[in-house]
Amino acid sequence: MAGTIVGVDIGGYAARAVEVSGYATGKPVVVRQAEVPLPEASVRRGEVIEVATVATALRRLWSTAGFSSKNVVLGMGGSRVFARELSVPRAGLDQIRESLPFLVQDQLPVPVSDVLLDFFPVSNEQTESGPQVSGLLVAAIEDAVNANVEASIQAGLRPVHVDFVPFAISRALAPVRSAKGSELLVGVGGNTTNVVVVRDGVPHFVRIIPNGGDDITRAIAQRMEWAPERAEQAKRALGMNTAMTRPEDRQIIEIIYEVVGELMTSISNTLNYYIGTKASVPVQRVLLNGGGARLTGFGQSLSELLRVPVVQADPFASITMPRKLKPTDTQDTFATAFGLALGDHS
């Protein structure tokens, strides 16, 4: 597939798109990027609820941003998609994929007829039962995938691939990853947090936590009886900085710490589970990304909890950007859309 392709990240409050040329090479170039707000409740935790509403927003995004391609890659994440470690008898990838419904029907929380299945191979192993392939099983509720695809089709776009959001984040952060060892990628979005353990550049372990930055805003708005806009402003202004806290801000700080604490505990439990099963492969550092991770003090607090260095990762730091496209202070919110556009989509 020649030319350019557009990664489309449909979030809870905005649809973001990044057009990339050279997407299957080692030197991708960002051609253009843009976002458009989405009406409240039209998307819930990565799943399109109001197809026609989202389609209208996508048409507006294309007309205002001037994307030159209608070939798009969509992302799926959230509670309707999950990944599990899986080992299967060694065979060709096509054969493994065909056998998945029979191999995993007892491991799924829903009937196998209701999900779309895929397998991401990681390594080959020799076991007592013979040669096996270890990897990640990815399962997505079919209705959720179809809703996202239908919204893009109604917008006049051509979906060429539907990708797993944690894999997209992993590709987006490839330029800032080290070549060897294990790293923890933490992408904090509005409604979900993607946690990916990458070993020697390959995703080995994935968890999607159903909490993100918007949970803080909602908690402040509800308990303080404020409008969401005022709660969001307070969250951004205060963060986890207690050095200059005014007495009237203490209640808000307490809410922030409570909600963030729950999220960090989930991240810590995820890491501890991985370490418990792969004790010989310690995680060397955490690469932090996403709009929710820009909360003041978040990275430092996470580093103190995990006792691992935490780095704020910029996926665009070494990427060619057009001069007319000026990076914004919210550039990291385009990381998922950028990662979706990368790779081989044939």
C-alpha atoms as a PDB file:
ATOM      1  CA  MET A   1       0.000   0.000   0.000  1.00  0.00           C
ATOM      2  CA  ALA A   2       1.688   3.152  -1.201  1.00  0.00           C
ATOM      3  CA  GLY A   3       1.187   6.783  -0.241  1.00  0.00           C
ATOM      4  CA  THR A   4       0.006   7.727   3.213  1.00  0.00           C
ATOM      5  CA  ILE A   5      -2.271   6.255   5.832  1.00  0.00           C
ATOM      6  CA  VAL A   6      -4.162   7.815   8.731  1.00  0.00           C
ATOM      7  CA  GLY A   7      -4.300   6.417  12.246  1.00  0.00           C
ATOM      8  CA  VAL A   8      -7.605   7.267  13.936  1.00  0.00           C
ATOM      9  CA  ASP A   9      -7.954   7.251  17.711  1.00  0.00           C
ATOM     10  CA  ILE A  10     -11.608   7.585  18.757  1.00  0.00           C
ATOM     11  CA  GLY A  11     -11.565   8.642  22.406  1.00  0.00           C
ATOM     12  CA  GLY A  12     -14.199   9.536  24.929  1.00  0.00           C
ATOM     13  CA  TYR A  13     -14.201  13.266  24.189  1.00  0.00           C
ATOM     14  CA  ALA A  14     -12.257  13.635  20.943  1.00  0.00           C
ATOM     15  CA  ALA A  15     -11.312  11.862  17.734  1.00  0.00           C
ATOM     16  CA  ARG A  16      -7.637  12.312  16.836  1.00  0.00           C
ATOM     17  CA  ALA A  17      -6.015  11.463  13.535  1.00  0.00           C
ATOM     18  CA  VAL A  18      -2.398  11.425  12.321  1.00  0.00           C
ATOM     19  CA  GLU A  19      -1.480  11.010   8.642  1.00  0.00           C
ATOM     20  CA  VAL A  20       1.879   9.321   8.070  1.00  0.00           C
ATOM     21  CA  SER A  21       4.010   8.580   5.037  1.00  0.00           C
ATOM     22  CA  GLY A  22       6.699   5.913   5.130  1.00  0.00           C
ATOM     23  CA  TYR A  23       4.629   4.175   7.789  1.00  0.00           C
ATOM     24  CA  ALA A  24       6.082   0.704   7.164  1.00  0.00           C
ATOM     25  CA  THR A  25       9.692   1.928   7.115  1.00  0.00           C
ATOM     26  CA  GLY A  26      12.127   2.923   9.804  1.00  0.00           C
ATOM     27  CA  LYS A  27      11.715   6.604   8.903  1.00  0.00           C
ATOM     28  CA  PRO A  28       8.042   7.583   9.146  1.00  0.00           C
ATOM     29  CA  VAL A  29       7.066  11.181   8.440  1.00  0.00           C
ATOM     30  CA  VAL A  30       4.056  12.887   9.992  1.00  0.00           C
ATOM     31  CA  VAL A  31       2.206  14.691   7.192  1.00  0.00           C
ATOM     32  CA  ARG A  32      -0.596  16.256   9.229  1.00  0.00           C
ATOM     33  CA  GLN A  33      -2.561  15.739  12.399  1.00  0.00           C
ATOM     34  CA  ALA A  34      -5.787  17.108  13.839  1.00  0.00           C
ATOM     35  CA  GLU A  35      -8.529  16.423  16.336  1.00  0.00           C
ATOM     36  CA  VAL A  36     -12.215  17.175  16.680  1.00  0.00           C
ATOM     37  CA  PRO A  37     -14.347  17.088  19.851  1.00  0.00           C
ATOM     38  CA  LEU A  38     -16.974  14.391  20.263  1.00  0.00           C
ATOM     39  CA  PRO A  39     -20.343  14.920  21.961  1.00  0.00           C
ATOM     40  CA  GLU A  40     -20.547  13.508  25.458  1.00  0.00           C
ATOM     41  CA  ALA A  41     -21.722   9.879  25.622  1.00  0.00           C
ATOM     42  CA  SER A  42     -21.222   9.280  21.883  1.00  0.00           C
ATOM     43  CA  VAL A  43     -18.216   7.105  22.786  1.00  0.00           C
ATOM     44  CA  ARG A  44     -17.843   5.104  25.972  1.00  0.00           C
ATOM     45  CA  ARG A  45     -14.398   3.780  26.935  1.00  0.00           C
ATOM     46  CA  GLY A  46     -13.220   3.334  23.369  1.00  0.00           C
ATOM     47  CA  GLU A  47     -16.482   1.942  21.984  1.00  0.00           C
ATOM     48  CA  VAL A  48     -18.651   3.968  19.618  1.00  0.00           C
ATOM     49  CA  ILE A  49     -22.186   4.214  21.011  1.00  0.00           C
ATOM     50  CA  GLU A  50     -23.728   6.708  18.584  1.00  0.00           C
ATOM     51  CA  VAL A  51     -22.477   5.683  15.138  1.00  0.00           C
ATOM     52  CA  ALA A  52     -24.087   8.523  13.168  1.00  0.00           C
ATOM     53  CA  THR A  53     -22.810  11.174  15.594  1.00  0.00           C
ATOM     54  CA  VAL A  54     -19.223   9.925  15.434  1.00  0.00           C
ATOM     55  CA  ALA A  55     -19.437   9.597  11.630  1.00  0.00           C
ATOM     56  CA  THR A  56     -20.462  13.257  11.400  1.00  0.00           C
ATOM     57  CA  ALA A  57     -17.508  14.259  13.583  1.00  0.00           C
ATOM     58  CA  LEU A  58     -15.089  12.251  11.431  1.00  0.00           C
ATOM     59  CA  ARG A  59     -16.390  13.876   8.242  1.00  0.00           C
ATOM     60  CA  ARG A  60     -15.805  17.278   9.857  1.00  0.00           C
ATOM     61  CA  LEU A  61     -12.309  16.217  10.907  1.00  0.00           C
ATOM     62  CA  TRP A  62     -11.414  15.250   7.334  1.00  0.00           C
ATOM     63  CA  SER A  63     -12.885  18.375   5.779  1.00  0.00           C
ATOM     64  CA  THR A  64     -11.195  20.791   8.176  1.00  0.00           C
ATOM     65  CA  ALA A  65      -7.798  19.079   8.458  1.00  0.00           C
ATOM     66  CA  GLY A  66      -7.372  18.305   4.765  1.00  0.00           C
ATOM     67  CA  PHE A  67      -6.156  14.713   5.104  1.00  0.00           C
ATOM     68  CA  SER A  68      -5.099  13.470   1.668  1.00  0.00           C
ATOM     69  CA  SER A  69      -5.909   9.796   2.312  1.00  0.00           C
ATOM     70  CA  LYS A  70      -9.123   8.071   3.333  1.00  0.00           C
ATOM     71  CA  ASN A  71      -7.306   4.839   4.171  1.00  0.00           C
ATOM     72  CA  VAL A  72      -7.490   4.542   7.952  1.00  0.00           C
ATOM     73  CA  VAL A  73      -6.348   2.262  10.742  1.00  0.00           C
ATOM     74  CA  LEU A  74      -8.688   2.142  13.727  1.00  0.00           C
ATOM     75  CA  GLY A  75      -7.782   1.277  17.297  1.00  0.00           C
ATOM     76  CA  MET A  76      -9.622  -0.894  19.807  1.00  0.00           C
ATOM     77  CA  GLY A  77      -9.050  -0.916  23.543  1.00  0.00           C
ATOM     78  CA  GLY A  78     -11.022  -0.646  26.751  1.00  0.00           C
ATOM     79  CA  SER A  79     -13.146  -3.167  28.598  1.00  0.00           C
ATOM     80  CA  ARG A  80     -14.438  -4.853  25.433  1.00  0.00           C
ATOM     81  CA  VAL A  81     -10.959  -5.937  24.337  1.00  0.00           C
ATOM     82  CA  PHE A  82      -8.400  -7.949  26.262  1.00  0.00           C
ATOM     83  CA  ALA A  83      -5.125  -9.783  25.834  1.00  0.00           C
ATOM     84  CA  ARG A  84      -3.927 -12.961  27.511  1.00  0.00           C
ATOM     85  CA  GLU A  85      -0.702 -14.941  27.367  1.00  0.00           C
ATOM     86  CA  LEU A  86      -1.170 -18.107  25.343  1.00  0.00           C
ATOM     87  CA  SER A  87       1.002 -21.001  24.192  1.00  0.00           C
ATOM     88  CA  VAL A  88      -0.087 -23.151  21.244  1.00  0.00           C
ATOM     89  CA  PRO A  89       1.461 -26.026  19.262  1.00  0.00           C
ATOM     90  CA  ARG A  90       3.929 -24.686  16.718  1.00  0.00           C
ATOM     91  CA  ALA A  91       2.356 -24.073  13.323  1.00  0.00           C
ATOM     92  CA  GLY A  92       2.014 -21.372  10.687  1.00  0.00           C
ATOM     93  CA  LEU A  93       0.380 -18.157  11.856  1.00  0.00           C
ATOM     94  CA  ASP A  94      -2.641 -18.605   9.565  1.00  0.00           C
ATOM     95  CA  GLN A  95      -3.187 -22.101  10.927  1.00  0.00           C
ATOM     96  CA  ILE A  96      -2.894 -20.886  14.526  1.00  0.00           C
ATOM     97  CA  ARG A  97      -5.449 -18.151  13.903  1.00  0.00           C
ATOM     98  CA  GLU A  98      -7.892 -20.637  12.367  1.00  0.00           C
ATOM     99  CA  SER A  99      -7.596 -22.906  15.398  1.00  0.00           C
ATOM    100  CA  LEU A 100      -8.058 -20.172  18.042  1.00  0.00           C
ATOM    101  CA  PRO A 101     -11.847 -20.580  18.467  1.00  0.00           C
ATOM    102  CA  PHE A 102     -11.330 -24.242  19.411  1.00  0.00           C
ATOM    103  CA  LEU A 103      -8.280 -23.622  21.596  1.00  0.00           C
ATOM    104  CA  VAL A 104      -9.604 -20.754  23.728  1.00  0.00           C
ATOM    105  CA  GLN A 105     -13.379 -21.197  23.924  1.00  0.00           C
ATOM    106  CA  ASP A 106     -13.134 -22.213  27.601  1.00  0.00           C
ATOM    107  CA  GLN A 107     -10.909 -19.221  28.484  1.00  0.00           C
ATOM    108  CA  LEU A 108     -13.250 -16.450  27.346  1.00  0.00           C
ATOM    109  CA  PRO A 109     -15.828 -14.638  29.499  1.00  0.00           C
ATOM    110  CA  VAL A 110     -18.242 -14.552  26.533  1.00  0.00           C
ATOM    111  CA  PRO A 111     -19.192 -17.084  23.823  1.00  0.00           C
ATOM    112  CA  VAL A 112     -16.470 -17.485  21.223  1.00  0.00           C
ATOM    113  CA  SER A 113     -19.036 -16.665  18.517  1.00  0.00           C
ATOM    114  CA  ASP A 114     -19.293 -13.107  19.914  1.00  0.00           C
ATOM    115  CA  VAL A 115     -15.598 -12.201  19.639  1.00  0.00           C
ATOM    116  CA  LEU A 116     -12.933 -11.591  17.027  1.00  0.00           C
ATOM    117  CA  LEU A 117      -9.686 -13.374  17.822  1.00  0.00           C
ATOM    118  CA  ASP A 118      -6.076 -12.784  16.855  1.00  0.00           C
ATOM    119  CA  PHE A 119      -2.700 -14.110  17.961  1.00  0.00           C
ATOM    120  CA  PHE A 120       0.547 -12.179  18.306  1.00  0.00           C
ATOM    121  CA  PRO A 121       3.516 -14.610  18.384  1.00  0.00           C
ATOM    122  CA  VAL A 122       6.363 -13.744  20.732  1.00  0.00           C
ATOM    123  CA  SER A 123       8.745 -16.707  20.982  1.00  0.00           C
ATOM    124  CA  ASN A 124       9.261 -20.381  20.147  1.00  0.00           C
ATOM    125  CA  GLU A 125       9.695 -22.893  22.952  1.00  0.00           C
ATOM    126  CA  GLN A 126      10.485 -26.593  23.292  1.00  0.00           C
ATOM    127  CA  THR A 127       8.274 -28.240  25.926  1.00  0.00           C
ATOM    128  CA  GLU A 128       7.542 -31.776  27.102  1.00  0.00           C
ATOM    129  CA  SER A 129       4.507 -31.722  24.813  1.00  0.00           C
ATOM    130  CA  GLY A 130       6.605 -30.703  21.830  1.00  0.00           C
ATOM    131  CA  PRO A 131       7.455 -27.410  20.085  1.00  0.00           C
ATOM    132  CA  GLN A 132       5.170 -24.516  20.962  1.00  0.00           C
ATOM    133  CA  VAL A 133       4.695 -20.864  20.113  1.00  0.00           C
ATOM    134  CA  SER A 134       4.150 -18.451  22.994  1.00  0.00           C
ATOM    135  CA  GLY A 135       2.394 -15.169  22.420  1.00  0.00           C
ATOM    136  CA  LEU A 136      -0.574 -12.958  23.166  1.00  0.00           C
ATOM    137  CA  LEU A 137      -4.185 -13.837  22.463  1.00  0.00           C
ATOM    138  CA  VAL A 138      -6.195 -10.714  21.597  1.00  0.00           C
ATOM    139  CA  ALA A 139      -9.989 -10.942  21.820  1.00  0.00           C
ATOM    140  CA  ALA A 140     -12.443  -8.162  20.982  1.00  0.00           C
ATOM    141  CA  ILE A 141     -16.222  -8.140  21.243  1.00  0.00           C
ATOM    142  CA  GLU A 142     -17.363  -8.176  17.614  1.00  0.00           C
ATOM    143  CA  ASP A 143     -20.197  -5.669  18.099  1.00  0.00           C
ATOM    144  CA  ALA A 144     -17.779  -3.103  19.521  1.00  0.00           C
ATOM    145  CA  VAL A 145     -15.385  -3.467  16.585  1.00  0.00           C
ATOM    146  CA  ASN A 146     -18.224  -3.279  14.067  1.00  0.00           C
ATOM    147  CA  ALA A 147     -19.536  -0.029  15.586  1.00  0.00           C
ATOM    148  CA  ASN A 148     -16.169   1.689  15.200  1.00  0.00           C
ATOM    149  CA  VAL A 149     -15.764   0.397  11.653  1.00  0.00           C
ATOM    150  CA  GLU A 150     -19.304   1.415  10.683  1.00  0.00           C
ATOM    151  CA  ALA A 151     -18.771   4.973  11.963  1.00  0.00           C
ATOM    152  CA  SER A 152     -15.692   5.364   9.757  1.00  0.00           C
ATOM    153  CA  ILE A 153     -17.454   3.876   6.726  1.00  0.00           C
ATOM    154  CA  GLN A 154     -20.414   6.229   7.162  1.00  0.00           C
ATOM    155  CA  ALA A 155     -17.876   9.071   7.253  1.00  0.00           C
ATOM    156  CA  GLY A 156     -16.657   8.026   3.802  1.00  0.00           C
ATOM    157  CA  LEU A 157     -13.405   6.489   5.055  1.00  0.00           C
ATOM    158  CA  ARG A 158     -11.816   3.151   4.134  1.00  0.00           C
ATOM    159  CA  PRO A 159     -10.778   1.056   7.160  1.00  0.00           C
ATOM    160  CA  VAL A 160      -7.836  -1.119   6.111  1.00  0.00           C
ATOM    161  CA  HIS A 161      -6.973  -2.481   9.546  1.00  0.00           C
ATOM    162  CA  VAL A 162      -8.223  -2.582  13.135  1.00  0.00           C
ATOM    163  CA  ASP A 163      -5.381  -2.677  15.637  1.00  0.00           C
ATOM    164  CA  PHE A 164      -4.979  -3.274  19.360  1.00  0.00           C
ATOM    165  CA  VAL A 165      -4.313   0.059  21.089  1.00  0.00           C
ATOM    166  CA  PRO A 166      -1.522  -1.265  23.399  1.00  0.00           C
ATOM    167  CA  PHE A 167       0.354  -2.499  20.315  1.00  0.00           C
ATOM    168  CA  ALA A 168      -0.062   0.930  18.716  1.00  0.00           C
ATOM    169  CA  ILE A 169       1.369   2.621  21.805  1.00  0.00           C
ATOM    170  CA  SER A 170       4.314   0.220  21.726  1.00  0.00           C
ATOM    171  CA  ARG A 171       5.079   1.138  18.105  1.00  0.00           C
ATOM    172  CA  ALA A 172       4.689   4.848  18.807  1.00  0.00           C
ATOM    173  CA  LEU A 173       7.234   4.698  21.608  1.00  0.00           C
ATOM    174  CA  ALA A 174       9.718   2.571  19.662  1.00  0.00           C
ATOM    175  CA  PRO A 175      12.113   5.505  19.008  1.00  0.00           C
ATOM    176  CA  VAL A 176      12.540   6.116  22.748  1.00  0.00           C
ATOM    177  CA  ARG A 177      12.787   2.494  23.810  1.00  0.00           C
ATOM    178  CA  SER A 178      16.103   0.816  24.472  1.00  0.00           C
ATOM    179  CA  ALA A 179      17.058  -2.094  22.250  1.00  0.00           C
ATOM    180  CA  LYS A 180      17.617  -4.612  25.038  1.00  0.00           C
ATOM    181  CA  GLY A 181      15.995  -5.520  28.323  1.00  0.00           C
ATOM    182  CA  SER A 182      12.484  -5.040  29.677  1.00  0.00           C
ATOM    183  CA  GLU A 183      10.568  -1.785  29.951  1.00  0.00           C
ATOM    184  CA  LEU A 184       7.088  -0.949  31.139  1.00  0.00           C
ATOM    185  CA  LEU A 185       5.042   1.279  28.824  1.00  0.00           C
ATOM    186  CA  VAL A 186       2.249   3.126  30.628  1.00  0.00           C
ATOM    187  CA  GLY A 187      -0.182   5.097  28.460  1.00  0.00           C
ATOM    188  CA  VAL A 188      -2.637   7.049  30.619  1.00  0.00           C
ATOM    189  CA  GLY A 189      -5.665   8.094  28.596  1.00  0.00           C
ATOM    190  CA  GLY A 190      -8.925   9.678  29.603  1.00  0.00           C
ATOM    191  CA  ASN A 191     -10.823   6.491  30.445  1.00  0.00           C
ATOM    192  CA  THR A 192      -8.268   3.702  30.258  1.00  0.00           C
ATOM    193  CA  THR A 193      -4.616   3.092  31.073  1.00  0.00           C
ATOM    194  CA  ASN A 194      -2.648   0.726  28.844  1.00  0.00           C
ATOM    195  CA  VAL A 195       0.200  -1.168  30.490  1.00  0.00           C
ATOM    196  CA  VAL A 196       2.605  -3.042  28.215  1.00  0.00           C
ATOM    197  CA  VAL A 197       5.761  -4.934  29.160  1.00  0.00           C
ATOM    198  CA  VAL A 198       8.194  -4.805  26.238  1.00  0.00           C
ATOM    199  CA  ARG A 199      11.189  -7.153  26.141  1.00  0.00           C
ATOM    200  CA  ASP A 200      13.887  -6.500  23.565  1.00  0.00           C
ATOM    201  CA  GLY A 201      11.435  -4.382  21.587  1.00  0.00           C
ATOM    202  CA  VAL A 202       8.601  -6.951  21.556  1.00  0.00           C
ATOM    203  CA  PRO A 203       5.354  -6.699  23.604  1.00  0.00           C
ATOM    204  CA  HIS A 204       5.194  -9.662  25.995  1.00  0.00           C
ATOM    205  CA  PHE A 205       2.492  -8.707  28.455  1.00  0.00           C
ATOM    206  CA  VAL A 206      -0.541  -6.403  28.227  1.00  0.00           C
ATOM    207  CA  ARG A 207      -3.147  -5.164  30.657  1.00  0.00           C
ATOM    208  CA  ILE A 208      -5.839  -2.517  30.120  1.00  0.00           C
ATOM    209  CA  ILE A 209      -6.868  -0.771  33.339  1.00  0.00           C
ATOM    210  CA  PRO A 210     -10.367   0.787  33.140  1.00  0.00           C
ATOM    211  CA  ASN A 211      -9.290   4.059  34.779  1.00  0.00           C
ATOM    212  CA  GLY A 212      -7.698   7.249  33.479  1.00  0.00           C
ATOM    213  CA  GLY A 213      -7.373  10.985  33.844  1.00  0.00           C
ATOM    214  CA  ASP A 214     -11.087  11.679  33.375  1.00  0.00           C
ATOM    215  CA  ASP A 215     -11.871   9.718  36.547  1.00  0.00           C
ATOM    216  CA  ILE A 216     -10.102  12.441  38.531  1.00  0.00           C
ATOM    217  CA  THR A 217     -12.150  15.162  36.862  1.00  0.00           C
ATOM    218  CA  ARG A 218     -15.398  13.302  37.502  1.00  0.00           C
ATOM    219  CA  ALA A 219     -14.552  12.719  41.153  1.00  0.00           C
ATOM    220  CA  ILE A 220     -13.754  16.404  41.719  1.00  0.00           C
ATOM    221  CA  ALA A 221     -16.907  17.528  39.901  1.00  0.00           C
ATOM    222  CA  GLN A 222     -19.157  15.180  41.861  1.00  0.00           C
ATOM    223  CA  ARG A 223     -17.761  15.786  45.334  1.00  0.00           C
ATOM    224  CA  MET A 224     -17.290  19.529  44.952  1.00  0.00           C
ATOM    225  CA  GLU A 225     -20.556  19.887  43.027  1.00  0.00           C
ATOM    226  CA  TRP A 226     -18.736  21.721  40.246  1.00  0.00           C
ATOM    227  CA  ALA A 227     -19.148  21.801  36.491  1.00  0.00           C
ATOM    228  CA  PRO A 228     -16.759  19.392  34.682  1.00  0.00           C
ATOM    229  CA  GLU A 229     -14.894  22.323  33.108  1.00  0.00           C
ATOM    230  CA  ARG A 230     -14.090  23.847  36.514  1.00  0.00           C
ATOM    231  CA  ALA A 231     -13.065  20.448  37.883  1.00  0.00           C
ATOM    232  CA  GLU A 232     -10.717  19.894  34.929  1.00  0.00           C
ATOM    233  CA  GLN A 233      -9.100  23.299  35.439  1.00  0.00           C
ATOM    234  CA  ALA A 234      -8.552  22.587  39.135  1.00  0.00           C
ATOM    235  CA  LYS A 235      -7.027  19.189  38.363  1.00  0.00           C
ATOM    236  CA  ARG A 236      -4.559  20.678  35.900  1.00  0.00           C
ATOM    237  CA  ALA A 237      -3.674  23.613  38.128  1.00  0.00           C
ATOM    238  CA  LEU A 238      -3.048  21.602  41.296  1.00  0.00           C
ATOM    239  CA  GLY A 239      -1.988  18.127  40.223  1.00  0.00           C
ATOM    240  CA  MET A 240      -0.132  16.250  42.934  1.00  0.00           C
ATOM    241  CA  ASN A 241       1.816  19.299  44.038  1.00  0.00           C
ATOM    242  CA  THR A 242       1.339  19.864  47.773  1.00  0.00           C
ATOM    243  CA  ALA A 243       4.215  22.308  48.233  1.00  0.00           C
ATOM    244  CA  MET A 244       2.131  25.459  47.826  1.00  0.00           C
ATOM    245  CA  THR A 245      -1.303  24.120  48.704  1.00  0.00           C
ATOM    246  CA  ARG A 246      -3.787  26.686  49.967  1.00  0.00           C
ATOM    247  CA  PRO A 247      -6.218  25.613  52.709  1.00  0.00           C
ATOM    248  CA  GLU A 248      -9.145  25.869  50.275  1.00  0.00           C
ATOM    249  CA  ASP A 249      -7.397  23.463  47.893  1.00  0.00           C
ATOM    250  CA  ARG A 250      -6.796  20.662  50.383  1.00  0.00           C
ATOM    251  CA  GLN A 251     -10.045  18.824  49.665  1.00  0.00           C
ATOM    252  CA  ILE A 252      -9.316  18.822  45.933  1.00  0.00           C
ATOM    253  CA  ILE A 253      -5.766  17.564  46.527  1.00  0.00           C
ATOM    254  CA  GLU A 254      -7.161  14.759  48.683  1.00  0.00           C
ATOM    255  CA  ILE A 255      -9.544  13.722  45.906  1.00  0.00           C
ATOM    256  CA  ILE A 256      -6.724  13.744  43.343  1.00  0.00           C
ATOM    257  CA  TYR A 257      -4.472  11.628  45.559  1.00  0.00           C
ATOM    258  CA  GLU A 258      -7.267   9.168  46.268  1.00  0.00           C
ATOM    259  CA  VAL A 259      -8.184   8.576  42.611  1.00  0.00           C
ATOM    260  CA  VAL A 260      -4.581   8.590  41.369  1.00  0.00           C
ATOM    261  CA  GLY A 261      -3.642   6.246  44.205  1.00  0.00           C
ATOM    262  CA  GLU A 262      -6.164   3.690  42.992  1.00  0.00           C
ATOM    263  CA  LEU A 263      -4.772   3.888  39.466  1.00  0.00           C
ATOM    264  CA  MET A 264      -1.179   3.577  40.614  1.00  0.00           C
ATOM    265  CA  THR A 265      -2.055   0.599  42.791  1.00  0.00           C
ATOM    266  CA  SER A 266      -3.507  -1.108  39.706  1.00  0.00           C
ATOM    267  CA  ILE A 267      -0.322  -0.345  37.749  1.00  0.00           C
ATOM    268  CA  SER A 268       1.811  -1.652  40.614  1.00  0.00           C
ATOM    269  CA  ASN A 269      -0.257  -4.830  40.929  1.00  0.00           C
ATOM    270  CA  THR A 270       0.091  -5.405  37.190  1.00  0.00           C
ATOM    271  CA  LEU A 271       3.867  -5.050  37.379  1.00  0.00           C
ATOM    272  CA  ASN A 272       4.086  -7.269  40.470  1.00  0.00           C
ATOM    273  CA  TYR A 273       2.063  -9.959  38.714  1.00  0.00           C
ATOM    274  CA  TYR A 274       4.405  -9.868  35.734  1.00  0.00           C
ATOM    275  CA  ILE A 275       7.518  -9.938  37.929  1.00  0.00           C
ATOM    276  CA  GLY A 276       6.042 -12.844  39.862  1.00  0.00           C
ATOM    277  CA  THR A 277       5.754 -14.911  36.696  1.00  0.00           C
ATOM    278  CA  LYS A 278       8.946 -13.644  35.013  1.00  0.00           C
ATOM    279  CA  ALA A 279      11.248 -13.079  37.972  1.00  0.00           C
ATOM    280  CA  SER A 280      14.379 -13.495  35.863  1.00  0.00           C
ATOM    281  CA  VAL A 281      13.484 -10.524  33.650  1.00  0.00           C
ATOM    282  CA  PRO A 282      13.284  -7.364  35.804  1.00  0.00           C
ATOM    283  CA  VAL A 283      11.780  -4.185  34.365  1.00  0.00           C
ATOM    284  CA  GLN A 284      14.484  -1.552  33.954  1.00  0.00           C
ATOM    285  CA  ARG A 285      12.386   1.602  33.569  1.00  0.00           C
ATOM    286  CA  VAL A 286       8.921   2.956  32.879  1.00  0.00           C
ATOM    287  CA  LEU A 287       8.077   4.970  29.764  1.00  0.00           C
ATOM    288  CA  LEU A 288       5.129   7.216  30.567  1.00  0.00           C
ATOM    289  CA  ASN A 289       2.837   8.694  27.939  1.00  0.00           C
ATOM    290  CA  GLY A 290      -0.685  10.017  27.452  1.00  0.00           C
ATOM    291  CA  GLY A 291      -2.715  13.051  28.402  1.00  0.00           C
ATOM    292  CA  GLY A 292      -3.498  11.690  31.866  1.00  0.00           C
ATOM    293  CA  ALA A 293       0.206  11.276  32.607  1.00  0.00           C
ATOM    294  CA  ARG A 294       0.770  15.039  32.304  1.00  0.00           C
ATOM    295  CA  LEU A 295      -0.708  15.549  35.777  1.00  0.00           C
ATOM    296  CA  THR A 296       1.907  17.379  37.861  1.00  0.00           C
ATOM    297  CA  GLY A 297       3.808  14.945  40.067  1.00  0.00           C
ATOM    298  CA  PHE A 298       2.367  11.795  38.466  1.00  0.00           C
ATOM    299  CA  GLY A 299       5.657  10.472  37.110  1.00  0.00           C
ATOM    300  CA  GLN A 300       7.594  11.131  40.305  1.00  0.00           C
ATOM    301  CA  SER A 301       4.939   9.461  42.458  1.00  0.00           C
ATOM    302  CA  LEU A 302       4.827   6.426  40.166  1.00  0.00           C
ATOM    303  CA  SER A 303       8.617   6.118  40.283  1.00  0.00           C
ATOM    304  CA  GLU A 304       8.600   6.207  44.079  1.00  0.00           C
ATOM    305  CA  LEU A 305       5.898   3.550  44.226  1.00  0.00           C
ATOM    306  CA  LEU A 306       7.434   1.155  41.694  1.00  0.00           C
ATOM    307  CA  ARG A 307      11.058   1.916  42.677  1.00  0.00           C
ATOM    308  CA  VAL A 308      11.914   2.086  38.985  1.00  0.00           C
ATOM    309  CA  PRO A 309      13.022   5.146  36.966  1.00  0.00           C
ATOM    310  CA  VAL A 310      10.105   6.782  35.143  1.00  0.00           C
ATOM    311  CA  VAL A 311      10.680   8.730  31.923  1.00  0.00           C
ATOM    312  CA  GLN A 312       8.122  10.972  30.215  1.00  0.00           C
ATOM    313  CA  ALA A 313       8.305   9.590  26.676  1.00  0.00           C
ATOM    314  CA  ASP A 314       7.808  11.785  23.609  1.00  0.00           C
ATOM    315  CA  PRO A 315       7.067   9.573  20.579  1.00  0.00           C
ATOM    316  CA  PHE A 316       7.591  12.506  18.205  1.00  0.00           C
ATOM    317  CA  ALA A 317      11.022  13.562  19.483  1.00  0.00           C
ATOM    318  CA  SER A 318      12.914  11.942  16.583  1.00  0.00           C
ATOM    319  CA  ILE A 319      10.135  11.976  13.977  1.00  0.00           C
ATOM    320  CA  THR A 320      10.170  14.263  10.950  1.00  0.00           C
ATOM    321  CA  MET A 321       7.376  16.830  11.218  1.00  0.00           C
ATOM    322  CA  PRO A 322       6.361  19.363   8.555  1.00  0.00           C
ATOM    323  CA  ARG A 323       7.350  22.945   9.347  1.00  0.00           C
ATOM    324  CA  LYS A 324       3.754  24.123   9.189  1.00  0.00           C
ATOM    325  CA  LEU A 325       2.778  21.561  11.832  1.00  0.00           C
ATOM    326  CA  LYS A 326       3.776  23.035  15.167  1.00  0.00           C
ATOM    327  CA  PRO A 327       3.800  20.542  18.063  1.00  0.00           C
ATOM    328  CA  THR A 328       1.506  21.558  20.902  1.00  0.00           C
ATOM    329  CA  ASP A 329       1.726  21.032  24.643  1.00  0.00           C
ATOM    330  CA  THR A 330      -0.809  18.230  24.163  1.00  0.00           C
ATOM    331  CA  GLN A 331       1.218  16.461  21.462  1.00  0.00           C
ATOM    332  CA  ASP A 332       1.381  13.273  23.516  1.00  0.00           C
ATOM    333  CA  THR A 333      -2.378  12.829  23.130  1.00  0.00           C
ATOM    334  CA  PHE A 334      -1.715  11.959  19.457  1.00  0.00           C
ATOM    335  CA  ALA A 335       0.590   9.049  20.340  1.00  0.00           C
ATOM    336  CA  THR A 336      -2.051   6.339  19.887  1.00  0.00           C
ATOM    337  CA  ALA A 337      -3.197   7.676  16.503  1.00  0.00           C
ATOM    338  CA  PHE A 338       0.452   7.894  15.415  1.00  0.00           C
ATOM    339  CA  GLY A 339       1.139   4.317  16.524  1.00  0.00           C
ATOM    340  CA  LEU A 340      -1.955   3.074  14.698  1.00  0.00           C
ATOM    341  CA  ALA A 341      -0.620   4.527  11.439  1.00  0.00           C
ATOM    342  CA  LEU A 342       2.736   2.746  11.783  1.00  0.00           C
ATOM    343  CA  GLY A 343       3.564  -0.775  10.698  1.00  0.00           C
ATOM    344  CA  ASP A 344       2.587  -3.093   7.874  1.00  0.00           C
ATOM    345  CA  HIS A 345      -1.185  -2.988   7.252  1.00  0.00           C
ATOM    346  CA  SER A 346      -1.275  -5.280   4.231  1.00  0.00           C
END
